[in-house]
Structures are given as C-alpha cells and as structure tokens.
Amino acid sequence: MIKVHDFSKTNSLYNNFLAQLRDLKVHSDRMRFRRNLERLGEITAFEISKELKFEESDVYTALGVAPSNIIKEQPVIATILRAGLPLHQGVLNYFDNSDNCFISAYRKHSSNDLFDVEIEYLSSPNLDDKVVILTDPMIASGASMVLAYKALLKKGIPRHIHVVGVIASAEGIEYVRKNMPGNTTIWIGAIDEEMTAQSYIVPGLGDAGDLAFGAKEDK
C-alpha cells in the first residue's frame, strides 16, 4: 500500500515557502523561486530521514567518545530535468554523500495541443536494493513520474522509492499510486483537485521549470 505524506495537512514552515512559490507577486524573482524549492527539498529530506535505517557509531571528540546513531546507507537522489533541479539540490544538501541520478524527460507536443511524455536520457548508478528519492516539483498527470520510475529499472530494482513533489493534482496522485509498486512513499506539499486538458494543475503555480530557469521554446 503506497503511503502519501501531505504536508498541507499540518502547519509548518513548509506551508510558508509553498505559499511564496504560488504567489504571482514573487514569480518575477527567479532566485527566490529556486531557493524556496530548495528549502522544500531540505524539509522533505529531513522527514524522509526519519524512515531510513540507522546504526550506532562511536564518535571521538577531544574529550572522549560519544555514541551516535547515524544513517546506515545514503539514498540515491534522482530528479527529472530541468524543473526538478532546485528540489533535487535541497534534498542533496541534507544527503550530501549520496549518489545522484538524472533523467531527461520532455513533452512531445502534437498539432492538437496534446502531448506525450518521453524519456530521452538517463544517468544513474546501479540501483539494485537501494533507497531512491525521486524528485519532481509538479505531479500533474503523473505520467512523467511513472515513466521516470520505469526508466530507473534499467539500472536495477530499488528496495524503496520515495517520490518527492511540491504540488500534485488529485488525478496525478491516483495515477502514481496505481502504477508504481507498493514499496513507494509519496511526499507532497499540496494536492489540488483540478487539472487542465494540457495537464496543468489548477490553482497550481504555473510552469515550475520556466519560473526557475526562464521560458523555453516548445517545438
């Protein structure tokens, strides 16, 4: 059974940073937008850490030995380019010894304004029996996330997948839950009920990649 952690259900600083991401008044500040995505990645990484395996280790100080519980194994951090980069960086700030994986996915548009999601490139370490954190700020239809997961399987079968997003549609969450394995946990900032025919979440926040890095030309 896939578990969903919805940060909007509890009050925390996460909600402040998410509100700024949605706010048109701060959309012109790309650095703030990227930094807020990074902050949300950091908060999520902290929460994920509570579900990882730890082991006791002795730490030698100047005055003695301090028994400490440390993470037994660093997760592999994966992201879908390009919008996922700031969120990925936030997670990496906390799991700073982790291996990394990058997935290039894009919308292949047709003449009737519909599109298919295609995976173009994958750079990844071996993932057999690894904990993988897969990040993408917007989970709209859910198709990109599921295709990214299937691409990862070329590099091995993960022990557990943590899907990290910021805003999702209800339809996208349901699609991920139906099409990803039971050893998946979803971490999301908010779930919006509406999605347009072009798979934009409403109210959402717009195109996260464009807001972080500038508008692109779709061909």
Protein backbone atom coordinates (compact mmCIF):
# COMPACT_ATOMS: atom_id res chain seq x y z
CA MET A 1 0.00 0.00 0.00
CA ILE A 2 1.52 3.31 -1.11
CA LYS A 3 1.56 5.89 1.68
CA VAL A 4 1.07 9.60 0.93
CA HIS A 5 2.51 12.29 3.22
CA ASP A 6 0.69 15.58 2.53
CA PHE A 7 2.50 18.49 4.19
CA SER A 8 -0.55 20.75 3.81
CA LYS A 9 -2.37 18.68 6.42
CA THR A 10 -0.16 20.06 9.20
CA ASN A 11 1.06 23.57 9.98
CA SER A 12 4.79 24.12 9.43
CA LEU A 13 7.25 26.43 7.67
CA TYR A 14 6.78 24.24 4.61
CA ASN A 15 3.43 25.97 4.03
CA ASN A 16 5.07 29.44 4.11
CA PHE A 17 7.58 28.54 1.42
CA LEU A 18 4.90 26.84 -0.69
CA ALA A 19 2.66 29.92 -0.46
CA GLN A 20 5.51 32.04 -1.81
CA LEU A 21 6.01 29.61 -4.70
CA ARG A 22 2.38 30.04 -5.70
CA ASP A 23 2.32 33.84 -5.27
CA LEU A 24 2.35 35.85 -8.53
CA LYS A 25 3.95 38.75 -6.66
CA VAL A 26 7.19 36.82 -6.21
CA HIS A 27 7.23 34.93 -9.52
CA SER A 28 9.49 37.54 -11.10
CA ASP A 29 12.21 36.68 -8.58
CA ARG A 30 13.75 33.51 -10.02
CA MET A 31 16.35 33.24 -7.30
CA ARG A 32 13.64 33.28 -4.60
CA PHE A 33 11.63 30.70 -6.54
CA ARG A 34 14.62 28.35 -6.83
CA ARG A 35 15.61 28.87 -3.20
CA ASN A 36 12.10 28.08 -1.97
CA LEU A 37 12.08 24.85 -3.99
CA GLU A 38 15.45 24.05 -2.43
CA ARG A 39 14.08 24.74 1.06
CA LEU A 40 11.16 22.40 0.47
CA GLY A 41 13.61 19.73 -0.64
CA GLU A 42 15.55 20.21 2.59
CA ILE A 43 12.44 19.92 4.75
CA THR A 44 11.33 16.79 2.91
CA ALA A 45 14.79 15.24 3.19
CA PHE A 46 14.68 15.73 6.96
CA GLU A 47 11.29 13.99 7.15
CA ILE A 48 12.43 11.13 4.90
CA SER A 49 15.49 10.62 7.09
CA LYS A 50 13.22 9.51 9.93
CA GLU A 51 12.22 6.46 7.86
CA LEU A 52 15.74 5.32 6.95
CA LYS A 53 17.85 2.73 8.74
CA PHE A 54 20.34 3.97 11.33
CA GLU A 55 23.24 2.30 13.10
CA GLU A 56 25.19 3.13 16.24
CA SER A 57 28.66 4.54 15.77
CA ASP A 58 31.26 5.89 18.18
CA VAL A 59 32.35 9.47 17.52
CA TYR A 60 35.64 10.50 19.07
CA THR A 61 35.69 14.03 20.47
CA ALA A 62 38.58 15.93 22.05
CA LEU A 63 37.41 14.72 25.47
CA GLY A 64 36.03 11.26 24.93
CA VAL A 65 33.73 9.01 22.92
CA ALA A 66 30.13 9.88 22.07
CA PRO A 67 27.85 7.05 20.87
CA SER A 68 25.77 8.34 17.96
CA ASN A 69 23.10 6.99 15.64
CA ILE A 70 23.95 7.72 12.01
CA ILE A 71 22.31 6.80 8.70
CA LYS A 72 23.40 3.32 7.73
CA GLU A 73 23.18 3.88 3.97
CA GLN A 74 22.84 7.06 1.92
CA PRO A 75 19.93 7.05 -0.55
CA VAL A 76 20.34 7.66 -4.27
CA ILE A 77 18.80 11.00 -5.26
CA ALA A 78 17.17 11.17 -8.69
CA THR A 79 15.48 14.03 -10.48
CA ILE A 80 13.61 14.77 -13.68
CA LEU A 81 15.29 17.58 -15.64
CA ARG A 82 15.01 20.52 -15.69
CA ALA A 83 12.36 21.65 -13.20
CA GLY A 84 13.48 19.15 -10.59
CA LEU A 85 16.99 20.58 -10.17
CA PRO A 86 16.35 23.05 -7.28
CA LEU A 87 14.25 20.50 -5.38
CA HIS A 88 16.93 17.88 -6.00
CA GLN A 89 19.58 20.25 -4.66
CA GLY A 90 17.60 20.75 -1.46
CA VAL A 91 17.47 17.00 -0.85
CA LEU A 92 21.17 16.70 -1.72
CA ASN A 93 22.03 19.44 0.81
CA TYR A 94 20.96 17.03 3.56
CA PHE A 95 22.04 13.71 2.00
CA ASP A 96 25.30 15.25 0.87
CA ASN A 97 27.21 11.98 0.37
CA SER A 98 24.55 10.45 -1.85
CA ASP A 99 24.98 9.20 -5.39
CA ASN A 100 22.84 11.03 -7.93
CA CYS A 101 20.70 10.15 -10.91
CA PHE A 102 19.40 12.46 -13.66
CA ILE A 103 16.52 11.75 -16.02
CA SER A 104 15.78 13.86 -19.09
CA ALA A 105 12.07 13.89 -19.89
CA TYR A 106 10.14 16.21 -22.17
CA ARG A 107 6.68 16.86 -23.52
CA LYS A 108 6.45 15.86 -27.20
CA HIS A 109 3.66 18.12 -28.46
CA SER A 110 1.30 17.35 -31.33
CA SER A 111 -0.67 19.75 -33.52
CA ASN A 112 -3.84 19.48 -31.41
CA ASP A 113 -2.07 20.83 -28.29
CA LEU A 114 -1.84 17.37 -26.73
CA PHE A 115 1.45 15.71 -25.88
CA ASP A 116 3.22 12.54 -24.89
CA VAL A 117 5.94 12.40 -22.24
CA GLU A 118 9.17 10.86 -23.49
CA ILE A 119 12.34 9.89 -21.64
CA GLU A 120 15.42 10.98 -23.59
CA TYR A 121 18.41 10.30 -21.34
CA LEU A 122 19.32 8.59 -18.06
CA SER A 123 22.49 8.97 -16.00
CA SER A 124 22.42 6.72 -12.93
CA PRO A 125 24.44 4.44 -10.66
CA ASN A 126 23.34 0.86 -10.03
CA LEU A 127 20.04 0.91 -8.11
CA ASP A 128 19.68 -2.72 -7.03
CA ASP A 129 18.42 -2.85 -3.42
CA LYS A 130 18.95 0.90 -2.99
CA VAL A 131 16.66 3.50 -1.44
CA VAL A 132 15.88 6.04 -4.17
CA ILE A 133 14.47 9.55 -3.70
CA LEU A 134 12.85 10.62 -6.99
CA THR A 135 12.10 14.35 -7.20
CA ASP A 136 9.93 16.47 -9.49
CA PRO A 137 8.11 19.58 -8.20
CA MET A 138 4.87 19.14 -10.16
CA ILE A 139 2.99 15.84 -10.34
CA ALA A 140 0.26 16.72 -12.83
CA SER A 141 -0.96 13.68 -14.77
CA GLY A 142 1.63 11.51 -13.02
CA ALA A 143 2.87 10.15 -16.35
CA SER A 144 6.36 11.70 -16.10
CA MET A 145 6.91 10.25 -12.64
CA VAL A 146 5.83 6.75 -13.65
CA LEU A 147 7.90 6.82 -16.85
CA ALA A 148 10.91 8.05 -14.87
CA TYR A 149 10.49 5.16 -12.42
CA LYS A 150 10.32 2.66 -15.29
CA ALA A 151 13.49 4.17 -16.77
CA LEU A 152 15.25 3.70 -13.42
CA LEU A 153 14.52 -0.02 -13.54
CA LYS A 154 17.12 -0.32 -16.31
CA LYS A 155 19.69 0.32 -13.57
CA GLY A 156 18.30 -2.16 -11.05
CA ILE A 157 15.36 -2.81 -8.72
CA PRO A 158 15.27 -0.32 -5.81
CA ARG A 159 14.42 -1.51 -2.30
CA HIS A 160 12.22 1.55 -1.74
CA ILE A 161 11.19 4.63 -3.73
CA HIS A 162 10.43 7.99 -2.12
CA VAL A 163 8.58 10.19 -4.61
CA VAL A 164 9.05 13.86 -3.73
CA GLY A 165 6.86 16.58 -5.23
CA VAL A 166 5.64 20.03 -4.23
CA ILE A 167 2.19 20.28 -5.85
CA ALA A 168 0.16 17.45 -7.36
CA SER A 169 -3.24 17.01 -8.88
CA ALA A 170 -5.55 14.51 -7.25
CA GLU A 171 -5.59 12.63 -10.56
CA GLY A 172 -1.79 12.56 -10.67
CA ILE A 173 -1.50 11.14 -7.17
CA GLU A 174 -4.03 8.44 -8.03
CA TYR A 175 -2.15 7.57 -11.24
CA VAL A 176 1.15 7.22 -9.37
CA ARG A 177 -0.49 5.07 -6.70
CA LYS A 178 -1.93 2.75 -9.36
CA ASN A 179 1.20 2.47 -11.49
CA MET A 180 4.08 2.32 -9.02
CA PRO A 181 4.95 -0.57 -6.67
CA GLY A 182 3.87 -0.91 -3.07
CA ASN A 183 7.37 -0.07 -1.82
CA THR A 184 6.74 3.58 -2.77
CA THR A 185 6.14 6.52 -0.43
CA ILE A 186 4.85 9.85 -1.78
CA TRP A 187 5.82 13.16 -0.14
CA ILE A 188 3.82 16.14 -1.43
CA GLY A 189 3.27 19.74 -0.34
CA ALA A 190 -0.33 20.06 -1.53
CA ILE A 191 -2.86 18.20 -3.65
CA ASP A 192 -5.03 20.38 -5.93
CA GLU A 193 -8.25 18.94 -7.30
CA GLU A 194 -8.31 20.42 -10.81
CA MET A 195 -6.13 19.82 -13.88
CA THR A 196 -6.50 21.33 -17.37
CA ALA A 197 -6.64 19.36 -20.62
CA GLN A 198 -2.99 20.36 -21.14
CA SER A 199 -2.08 18.77 -17.76
CA TYR A 200 -1.51 21.99 -15.84
CA ILE A 201 -2.53 21.87 -12.19
CA VAL A 202 -5.14 24.41 -11.00
CA PRO A 203 -4.53 26.54 -8.99
CA GLY A 204 -1.01 25.08 -9.05
CA LEU A 205 1.65 27.69 -9.67
CA GLY A 206 2.39 27.61 -13.40
CA ASP A 207 5.40 26.05 -15.13
CA ALA A 208 7.99 25.37 -12.43
CA GLY A 209 10.82 24.99 -14.95
CA ASP A 210 10.08 28.34 -16.60
CA LEU A 211 9.74 30.11 -13.25
CA ALA A 212 13.06 28.70 -12.05
CA PHE A 213 15.14 28.99 -15.23
CA GLY A 214 13.27 31.08 -17.83
CA ALA A 215 10.84 30.32 -20.62
CA LYS A 216 11.69 27.68 -23.21
CA GLU A 217 10.58 27.18 -26.78
CA ASP A 218 8.47 24.06 -27.30
CA LYS A 219 8.70 22.51 -30.74
